[in-house]
Amino acid sequence: EIIPPLYAAGLPCHGDDSALWFSESPAALEVAKDRCLDCPVMRECLSGALARSEPWGVWGGGIVERGQVVTHKRGRGRPRRQAA
């Protein structure tokens, strides 16, 4: 779905720091999620990202990894402990 030009100019992800929405830093992604909260097309953004199976980034206030919404991005480093 294409965002009408009327909205695009005022969207938080269309500013000078648009790379924030695709950061590797979990803290930066939380900042991007917070900026999405007042976006007029937040719901459409997330549903469009899921429909397109976006591989990663913040879309509509949600962190998307491998086409799925995750609550928090894990930082790089040690893998999760496996259940015994």
PDB file of N, CA and C in Angstrom:
ATOM      1  N   GLU A   1       0.844  -1.179   0.000  1.00  0.00           N
ATOM      2  CA  GLU A   1       0.000   0.000   0.000  1.00  0.00           C
ATOM      3  C   GLU A   1       0.890   1.244   0.000  1.00  0.00           C
ATOM      4  N   ILE A   2       0.545   2.191  -0.814  1.00  0.00           N
ATOM      5  CA  ILE A   2       1.336   3.418  -0.941  1.00  0.00           C
ATOM      6  C   ILE A   2       0.764   4.481  -0.022  1.00  0.00           C
ATOM      7  N   ILE A   3       1.652   5.169   0.701  1.00  0.00           N
ATOM      8  CA  ILE A   3       1.228   6.240   1.596  1.00  0.00           C
ATOM      9  C   ILE A   3       1.035   7.502   0.769  1.00  0.00           C
ATOM     10  N   PRO A   4      -0.124   8.141   0.879  1.00  0.00           N
ATOM     11  CA  PRO A   4      -0.369   9.376   0.118  1.00  0.00           C
ATOM     12  C   PRO A   4       0.662  10.444   0.475  1.00  0.00           C
ATOM     13  N   PRO A   5       1.122  11.239  -0.508  1.00  0.00           N
ATOM     14  CA  PRO A   5       2.119  12.285  -0.249  1.00  0.00           C
ATOM     15  C   PRO A   5       1.710  13.260   0.845  1.00  0.00           C
ATOM     16  N   LEU A   6       0.409  13.465   1.016  1.00  0.00           N
ATOM     17  CA  LEU A   6      -0.079  14.351   2.060  1.00  0.00           C
ATOM     18  C   LEU A   6       0.401  13.898   3.434  1.00  0.00           C
ATOM     19  N   TYR A   7       0.394  12.596   3.683  1.00  0.00           N
ATOM     20  CA  TYR A   7       0.836  12.055   4.961  1.00  0.00           C
ATOM     21  C   TYR A   7       2.348  11.923   5.050  1.00  0.00           C
ATOM     22  N   ALA A   8       2.985  11.520   3.975  1.00  0.00           N
ATOM     23  CA  ALA A   8       4.411  11.181   3.993  1.00  0.00           C
ATOM     24  C   ALA A   8       5.281  12.276   4.593  1.00  0.00           C
ATOM     25  N   ALA A   9       4.983  13.528   4.323  1.00  0.00           N
ATOM     26  CA  ALA A   9       5.811  14.622   4.819  1.00  0.00           C
ATOM     27  C   ALA A   9       5.791  14.715   6.340  1.00  0.00           C
ATOM     28  N   GLY A  10       4.704  14.329   6.984  1.00  0.00           N
ATOM     29  CA  GLY A  10       4.593  14.454   8.431  1.00  0.00           C
ATOM     30  C   GLY A  10       4.847  13.180   9.209  1.00  0.00           C
ATOM     31  N   LEU A  11       5.194  12.112   8.538  1.00  0.00           N
ATOM     32  CA  LEU A  11       5.404  10.846   9.233  1.00  0.00           C
ATOM     33  C   LEU A  11       6.767  10.820   9.911  1.00  0.00           C
ATOM     34  N   PRO A  12       6.833  10.253  11.109  1.00  0.00           N
ATOM     35  CA  PRO A  12       8.101  10.250  11.844  1.00  0.00           C
ATOM     36  C   PRO A  12       9.218   9.473  11.143  1.00  0.00           C
ATOM     37  N   CYS A  13       8.883   8.493  10.346  1.00  0.00           N
ATOM     38  CA  CYS A  13       9.899   7.681   9.666  1.00  0.00           C
ATOM     39  C   CYS A  13      10.420   8.328   8.387  1.00  0.00           C
ATOM     40  N   HIS A  14       9.868   9.461   7.992  1.00  0.00           N
ATOM     41  CA  HIS A  14      10.282  10.129   6.765  1.00  0.00           C
ATOM     42  C   HIS A  14      11.164  11.334   7.029  1.00  0.00           C
ATOM     43  N   GLY A  15      11.833  11.352   8.168  1.00  0.00           N
ATOM     44  CA  GLY A  15      12.715  12.466   8.503  1.00  0.00           C
ATOM     45  C   GLY A  15      14.164  12.154   8.166  1.00  0.00           C
ATOM     46  N   ASP A  16      15.056  12.984   8.701  1.00  0.00           N
ATOM     47  CA  ASP A  16      16.491  12.818   8.448  1.00  0.00           C
ATOM     48  C   ASP A  16      17.067  11.567   9.100  1.00  0.00           C
ATOM     49  N   ASP A  17      16.393  11.044  10.125  1.00  0.00           N
ATOM     50  CA  ASP A  17      16.917   9.883  10.835  1.00  0.00           C
ATOM     51  C   ASP A  17      16.163   8.598  10.480  1.00  0.00           C
ATOM     52  N   SER A  18      15.774   8.452   9.233  1.00  0.00           N
ATOM     53  CA  SER A  18      14.982   7.289   8.827  1.00  0.00           C
ATOM     54  C   SER A  18      15.714   5.966   9.043  1.00  0.00           C
ATOM     55  N   ALA A  19      17.041   5.980   9.137  1.00  0.00           N
ATOM     56  CA  ALA A  19      17.801   4.746   9.389  1.00  0.00           C
ATOM     57  C   ALA A  19      17.523   4.194  10.780  1.00  0.00           C
ATOM     58  N   LEU A  20      16.996   5.024  11.676  1.00  0.00           N
ATOM     59  CA  LEU A  20      16.670   4.586  13.034  1.00  0.00           C
ATOM     60  C   LEU A  20      15.737   3.378  13.015  1.00  0.00           C
ATOM     61  N   TRP A  21      14.824   3.323  12.065  1.00  0.00           N
ATOM     62  CA  TRP A  21      13.842   2.249  11.989  1.00  0.00           C
ATOM     63  C   TRP A  21      14.453   0.920  11.525  1.00  0.00           C
ATOM     64  N   PHE A  22      15.712   0.939  11.132  1.00  0.00           N
ATOM     65  CA  PHE A  22      16.394  -0.282  10.672  1.00  0.00           C
ATOM     66  C   PHE A  22      17.708  -0.491  11.408  1.00  0.00           C
ATOM     67  N   SER A  23      17.805   0.037  12.605  1.00  0.00           N
ATOM     68  CA  SER A  23      19.027  -0.038  13.397  1.00  0.00           C
ATOM     69  C   SER A  23      19.271  -1.459  13.898  1.00  0.00           C
ATOM     70  N   GLU A  24      20.511  -1.757  14.203  1.00  0.00           N
ATOM     71  CA  GLU A  24      20.868  -3.032  14.838  1.00  0.00           C
ATOM     72  C   GLU A  24      20.753  -2.926  16.355  1.00  0.00           C
ATOM     73  N   SER A  25      20.677  -1.718  16.868  1.00  0.00           N
ATOM     74  CA  SER A  25      20.634  -1.479  18.309  1.00  0.00           C
ATOM     75  C   SER A  25      19.218  -1.662  18.858  1.00  0.00           C
ATOM     76  N   PRO A  26      19.044  -2.563  19.832  1.00  0.00           N
ATOM     77  CA  PRO A  26      17.723  -2.721  20.433  1.00  0.00           C
ATOM     78  C   PRO A  26      17.200  -1.416  21.049  1.00  0.00           C
ATOM     79  N   ALA A  27      18.072  -0.623  21.660  1.00  0.00           N
ATOM     80  CA  ALA A  27      17.645   0.647  22.266  1.00  0.00           C
ATOM     81  C   ALA A  27      17.145   1.618  21.196  1.00  0.00           C
ATOM     82  N   ALA A  28      17.813   1.682  20.058  1.00  0.00           N
ATOM     83  CA  ALA A  28      17.399   2.567  18.972  1.00  0.00           C
ATOM     84  C   ALA A  28      16.046   2.128  18.410  1.00  0.00           C
ATOM     85  N   LEU A  29      15.821   0.835  18.313  1.00  0.00           N
ATOM     86  CA  LEU A  29      14.539   0.343  17.812  1.00  0.00           C
ATOM     87  C   LEU A  29      13.400   0.690  18.762  1.00  0.00           C
ATOM     88  N   GLU A  30      13.681   0.700  20.056  1.00  0.00           N
ATOM     89  CA  GLU A  30      12.662   1.110  21.028  1.00  0.00           C
ATOM     90  C   GLU A  30      12.314   2.588  20.845  1.00  0.00           C
ATOM     91  N   VAL A  31      13.312   3.416  20.528  1.00  0.00           N
ATOM     92  CA  VAL A  31      13.068   4.834  20.251  1.00  0.00           C
ATOM     93  C   VAL A  31      12.171   4.962  19.021  1.00  0.00           C
ATOM     94  N   ALA A  32      12.472   4.192  17.977  1.00  0.00           N
ATOM     95  CA  ALA A  32      11.664   4.232  16.757  1.00  0.00           C
ATOM     96  C   ALA A  32      10.224   3.806  17.047  1.00  0.00           C
ATOM     97  N   LYS A  33      10.050   2.749  17.838  1.00  0.00           N
ATOM     98  CA  LYS A  33       8.706   2.305  18.199  1.00  0.00           C
ATOM     99  C   LYS A  33       7.934   3.415  18.901  1.00  0.00           C
ATOM    100  N   ASP A  34       8.589   4.111  19.817  1.00  0.00           N
ATOM    101  CA  ASP A  34       7.937   5.213  20.540  1.00  0.00           C
ATOM    102  C   ASP A  34       7.514   6.333  19.593  1.00  0.00           C
ATOM    103  N   ARG A  35       8.333   6.605  18.590  1.00  0.00           N
ATOM    104  CA  ARG A  35       7.999   7.664  17.629  1.00  0.00           C
ATOM    105  C   ARG A  35       6.803   7.303  16.766  1.00  0.00           C
ATOM    106  N   CYS A  36       6.546   6.013  16.613  1.00  0.00           N
ATOM    107  CA  CYS A  36       5.411   5.558  15.808  1.00  0.00           C
ATOM    108  C   CYS A  36       4.069   5.785  16.502  1.00  0.00           C
ATOM    109  N   LEU A  37       4.062   5.960  17.801  1.00  0.00           N
ATOM    110  CA  LEU A  37       2.815   5.978  18.561  1.00  0.00           C
ATOM    111  C   LEU A  37       1.806   7.024  18.104  1.00  0.00           C
ATOM    112  N   ASP A  38       2.272   8.174  17.638  1.00  0.00           N
ATOM    113  CA  ASP A  38       1.354   9.231  17.196  1.00  0.00           C
ATOM    114  C   ASP A  38       1.164   9.264  15.678  1.00  0.00           C
ATOM    115  N   CYS A  39       1.647   8.269  14.980  1.00  0.00           N
ATOM    116  CA  CYS A  39       1.579   8.251  13.521  1.00  0.00           C
ATOM    117  C   CYS A  39       0.148   7.970  13.047  1.00  0.00           C
ATOM    118  N   PRO A  40      -0.344   8.755  12.087  1.00  0.00           N
ATOM    119  CA  PRO A  40      -1.716   8.572  11.613  1.00  0.00           C
ATOM    120  C   PRO A  40      -1.918   7.304  10.768  1.00  0.00           C
ATOM    121  N   VAL A  41      -0.849   6.683  10.307  1.00  0.00           N
ATOM    122  CA  VAL A  41      -0.989   5.480   9.479  1.00  0.00           C
ATOM    123  C   VAL A  41      -0.315   4.268  10.130  1.00  0.00           C
ATOM    124  N   MET A  42      -0.209   4.305  11.458  1.00  0.00           N
ATOM    125  CA  MET A  42       0.493   3.239  12.177  1.00  0.00           C
ATOM    126  C   MET A  42      -0.095   1.856  11.884  1.00  0.00           C
ATOM    127  N   ARG A  43      -1.386   1.710  11.975  1.00  0.00           N
ATOM    128  CA  ARG A  43      -2.027   0.410  11.767  1.00  0.00           C
ATOM    129  C   ARG A  43      -1.821  -0.088  10.334  1.00  0.00           C
ATOM    130  N   GLU A  44      -1.985   0.804   9.368  1.00  0.00           N
ATOM    131  CA  GLU A  44      -1.809   0.431   7.962  1.00  0.00           C
ATOM    132  C   GLU A  44      -0.357   0.056   7.677  1.00  0.00           C
ATOM    133  N   CYS A  45       0.559   0.750   8.316  1.00  0.00           N
ATOM    134  CA  CYS A  45       1.990   0.484   8.131  1.00  0.00           C
ATOM    135  C   CYS A  45       2.336  -0.935   8.585  1.00  0.00           C
ATOM    136  N   LEU A  46       1.897  -1.299   9.779  1.00  0.00           N
ATOM    137  CA  LEU A  46       2.195  -2.635  10.293  1.00  0.00           C
ATOM    138  C   LEU A  46       1.531  -3.718   9.459  1.00  0.00           C
ATOM    139  N   SER A  47       0.263  -3.534   9.124  1.00  0.00           N
ATOM    140  CA  SER A  47      -0.413  -4.571   8.338  1.00  0.00           C
ATOM    141  C   SER A  47       0.206  -4.706   6.949  1.00  0.00           C
ATOM    142  N   GLY A  48       0.640  -3.593   6.360  1.00  0.00           N
ATOM    143  CA  GLY A  48       1.308  -3.659   5.065  1.00  0.00           C
ATOM    144  C   GLY A  48       2.643  -4.382   5.140  1.00  0.00           C
ATOM    145  N   ALA A  49       3.383  -4.120   6.208  1.00  0.00           N
ATOM    146  CA  ALA A  49       4.684  -4.789   6.387  1.00  0.00           C
ATOM    147  C   ALA A  49       4.509  -6.291   6.536  1.00  0.00           C
ATOM    148  N   LEU A  50       3.504  -6.703   7.287  1.00  0.00           N
ATOM    149  CA  LEU A  50       3.248  -8.134   7.467  1.00  0.00           C
ATOM    150  C   LEU A  50       2.765  -8.770   6.167  1.00  0.00           C
ATOM    151  N   ALA A  51       1.945  -8.059   5.413  1.00  0.00           N
ATOM    152  CA  ALA A  51       1.460  -8.584   4.131  1.00  0.00           C
ATOM    153  C   ALA A  51       2.607  -8.757   3.139  1.00  0.00           C
ATOM    154  N   ARG A  52       3.593  -7.853   3.203  1.00  0.00           N
ATOM    155  CA  ARG A  52       4.763  -7.934   2.304  1.00  0.00           C
ATOM    156  C   ARG A  52       5.854  -8.829   2.844  1.00  0.00           C
ATOM    157  N   SER A  53       5.669  -9.352   4.051  1.00  0.00           N
ATOM    158  CA  SER A  53       6.697 -10.164   4.736  1.00  0.00           C
ATOM    159  C   SER A  53       8.017  -9.416   4.821  1.00  0.00           C
ATOM    160  N   GLU A  54       7.949  -8.163   5.295  1.00  0.00           N
ATOM    161  CA  GLU A  54       9.176  -7.379   5.465  1.00  0.00           C
ATOM    162  C   GLU A  54      10.148  -8.172   6.329  1.00  0.00           C
ATOM    163  N   PRO A  55      11.420  -8.205   5.959  1.00  0.00           N
ATOM    164  CA  PRO A  55      12.365  -9.029   6.695  1.00  0.00           C
ATOM    165  C   PRO A  55      12.784  -8.459   8.050  1.00  0.00           C
ATOM    166  N   TRP A  56      12.779  -7.128   8.187  1.00  0.00           N
ATOM    167  CA  TRP A  56      13.213  -6.549   9.454  1.00  0.00           C
ATOM    168  C   TRP A  56      12.905  -5.063   9.506  1.00  0.00           C
ATOM    169  N   GLY A  57      12.997  -4.498  10.709  1.00  0.00           N
ATOM    170  CA  GLY A  57      12.778  -3.077  10.906  1.00  0.00           C
ATOM    171  C   GLY A  57      11.589  -2.805  11.810  1.00  0.00           C
ATOM    172  N   VAL A  58      11.364  -1.537  12.100  1.00  0.00           N
ATOM    173  CA  VAL A  58      10.198  -1.115  12.869  1.00  0.00           C
ATOM    174  C   VAL A  58       9.148  -0.646  11.875  1.00  0.00           C
ATOM    175  N   TRP A  59       7.989  -1.252  11.970  1.00  0.00           N
ATOM    176  CA  TRP A  59       6.872  -0.940  11.076  1.00  0.00           C
ATOM    177  C   TRP A  59       5.627  -0.794  11.928  1.00  0.00           C
ATOM    178  N   GLY A  60       4.970   0.352  11.865  1.00  0.00           N
ATOM    179  CA  GLY A  60       3.728   0.552  12.598  1.00  0.00           C
ATOM    180  C   GLY A  60       3.848   0.328  14.090  1.00  0.00           C
ATOM    181  N   GLY A  61       4.970   0.679  14.656  1.00  0.00           N
ATOM    182  CA  GLY A  61       5.162   0.543  16.095  1.00  0.00           C
ATOM    183  C   GLY A  61       5.558  -0.842  16.556  1.00  0.00           C
ATOM    184  N   GLY A  62       5.812  -1.746  15.630  1.00  0.00           N
ATOM    185  CA  GLY A  62       6.227  -3.105  15.980  1.00  0.00           C
ATOM    186  C   GLY A  62       7.573  -3.433  15.366  1.00  0.00           C
ATOM    187  N   ILE A  63       8.365  -4.228  16.071  1.00  0.00           N
ATOM    188  CA  ILE A  63       9.644  -4.683  15.529  1.00  0.00           C
ATOM    189  C   ILE A  63       9.372  -5.950  14.729  1.00  0.00           C
ATOM    190  N   VAL A  64       9.761  -5.923  13.477  1.00  0.00           N
ATOM    191  CA  VAL A  64       9.546  -7.061  12.590  1.00  0.00           C
ATOM    192  C   VAL A  64      10.877  -7.739  12.321  1.00  0.00           C
ATOM    193  N   GLU A  65      10.909  -9.047  12.534  1.00  0.00           N
ATOM    194  CA  GLU A  65      12.076  -9.874  12.207  1.00  0.00           C
ATOM    195  C   GLU A  65      11.583 -11.086  11.435  1.00  0.00           C
ATOM    196  N   ARG A  66      12.154 -11.291  10.265  1.00  0.00           N
ATOM    197  CA  ARG A  66      11.791 -12.424   9.408  1.00  0.00           C
ATOM    198  C   ARG A  66      10.289 -12.504   9.146  1.00  0.00           C
ATOM    199  N   GLY A  67       9.677 -11.332   8.947  1.00  0.00           N
ATOM    200  CA  GLY A  67       8.260 -11.283   8.608  1.00  0.00           C
ATOM    201  C   GLY A  67       7.302 -11.445   9.771  1.00  0.00           C
ATOM    202  N   GLN A  68       7.815 -11.504  11.000  1.00  0.00           N
ATOM    203  CA  GLN A  68       6.983 -11.669  12.181  1.00  0.00           C
ATOM    204  C   GLN A  68       7.229 -10.530  13.169  1.00  0.00           C
ATOM    205  N   VAL A  69       6.212 -10.147  13.932  1.00  0.00           N
ATOM    206  CA  VAL A  69       6.362  -9.113  14.949  1.00  0.00           C
ATOM    207  C   VAL A  69       6.953  -9.744  16.206  1.00  0.00           C
ATOM    208  N   VAL A  70       7.991  -9.102  16.747  1.00  0.00           N
ATOM    209  CA  VAL A  70       8.596  -9.532  18.010  1.00  0.00           C
ATOM    210  C   VAL A  70       8.462  -8.390  19.011  1.00  0.00           C
ATOM    211  N   THR A  71       8.417  -8.711  20.291  1.00  0.00           N
ATOM    212  CA  THR A  71       8.237  -7.664  21.290  1.00  0.00           C
ATOM    213  C   THR A  71       9.498  -6.841  21.496  1.00  0.00           C
ATOM    214  N   HIS A  72      10.650  -7.500  21.502  1.00  0.00           N
ATOM    215  CA  HIS A  72      11.923  -6.813  21.695  1.00  0.00           C
ATOM    216  C   HIS A  72      12.983  -7.485  20.850  1.00  0.00           C
ATOM    217  N   LYS A  73      13.892  -6.695  20.338  1.00  0.00           N
ATOM    218  CA  LYS A  73      15.014  -7.269  19.592  1.00  0.00           C
ATOM    219  C   LYS A  73      16.119  -7.604  20.572  1.00  0.00           C
ATOM    220  N   ARG A  74      16.634  -8.782  20.458  1.00  0.00           N
ATOM    221  CA  ARG A  74      17.770  -9.188  21.288  1.00  0.00           C
ATOM    222  C   ARG A  74      19.035  -8.612  20.695  1.00  0.00           C
ATOM    223  N   GLY A  75      19.911  -8.182  21.563  1.00  0.00           N
ATOM    224  CA  GLY A  75      21.203  -7.680  21.112  1.00  0.00           C
ATOM    225  C   GLY A  75      22.084  -8.814  20.632  1.00  0.00           C
ATOM    226  N   ARG A  76      23.116  -8.460  19.922  1.00  0.00           N
ATOM    227  CA  ARG A  76      24.058  -9.480  19.474  1.00  0.00           C
ATOM    228  C   ARG A  76      24.841 -10.002  20.667  1.00  0.00           C
ATOM    229  N   GLY A  77      25.321 -11.205  20.535  1.00  0.00           N
ATOM    230  CA  GLY A  77      26.117 -11.770  21.618  1.00  0.00           C
ATOM    231  C   GLY A  77      25.722 -13.201  21.874  1.00  0.00           C
ATOM    232  N   ARG A  78      25.729 -13.541  23.104  1.00  0.00           N
ATOM    233  CA  ARG A  78      25.484 -14.905  23.518  1.00  0.00           C
ATOM    234  C   ARG A  78      24.073 -15.350  23.142  1.00  0.00           C
ATOM    235  N   PRO A  79      23.932 -16.552  22.569  1.00  0.00           N
ATOM    236  CA  PRO A  79      22.600 -17.047  22.195  1.00  0.00           C
ATOM    237  C   PRO A  79      21.768 -17.405  23.425  1.00  0.00           C
ATOM    238  N   ARG A  80      20.472 -17.538  23.233  1.00  0.00           N
ATOM    239  CA  ARG A  80      19.587 -17.945  24.327  1.00  0.00           C
ATOM    240  C   ARG A  80      19.987 -19.300  24.858  1.00  0.00           C
ATOM    241  N   ARG A  81      19.773 -19.478  26.142  1.00  0.00           N
ATOM    242  CA  ARG A  81      20.044 -20.761  26.776  1.00  0.00           C
ATOM    243  C   ARG A  81      18.948 -21.747  26.370  1.00  0.00           C
ATOM    244  N   GLN A  82      19.344 -22.931  25.973  1.00  0.00           N
ATOM    245  CA  GLN A  82      18.381 -23.964  25.585  1.00  0.00           C
ATOM    246  C   GLN A  82      17.801 -24.628  26.830  1.00  0.00           C
ATOM    247  N   ALA A  83      16.530 -24.967  26.776  1.00  0.00           N
ATOM    248  CA  ALA A  83      15.904 -25.678  27.891  1.00  0.00           C
ATOM    249  C   ALA A  83      16.509 -27.065  28.003  1.00  0.00           C
ATOM    250  N   ALA A  84      16.784 -27.484  29.230  1.00  0.00           N
ATOM    251  CA  ALA A  84      17.408 -28.800  29.459  1.00  0.00           C
ATOM    252  C   ALA A  84      16.399 -29.907  29.396  1.00  0.00           C
TER     253      ALA A  84
END
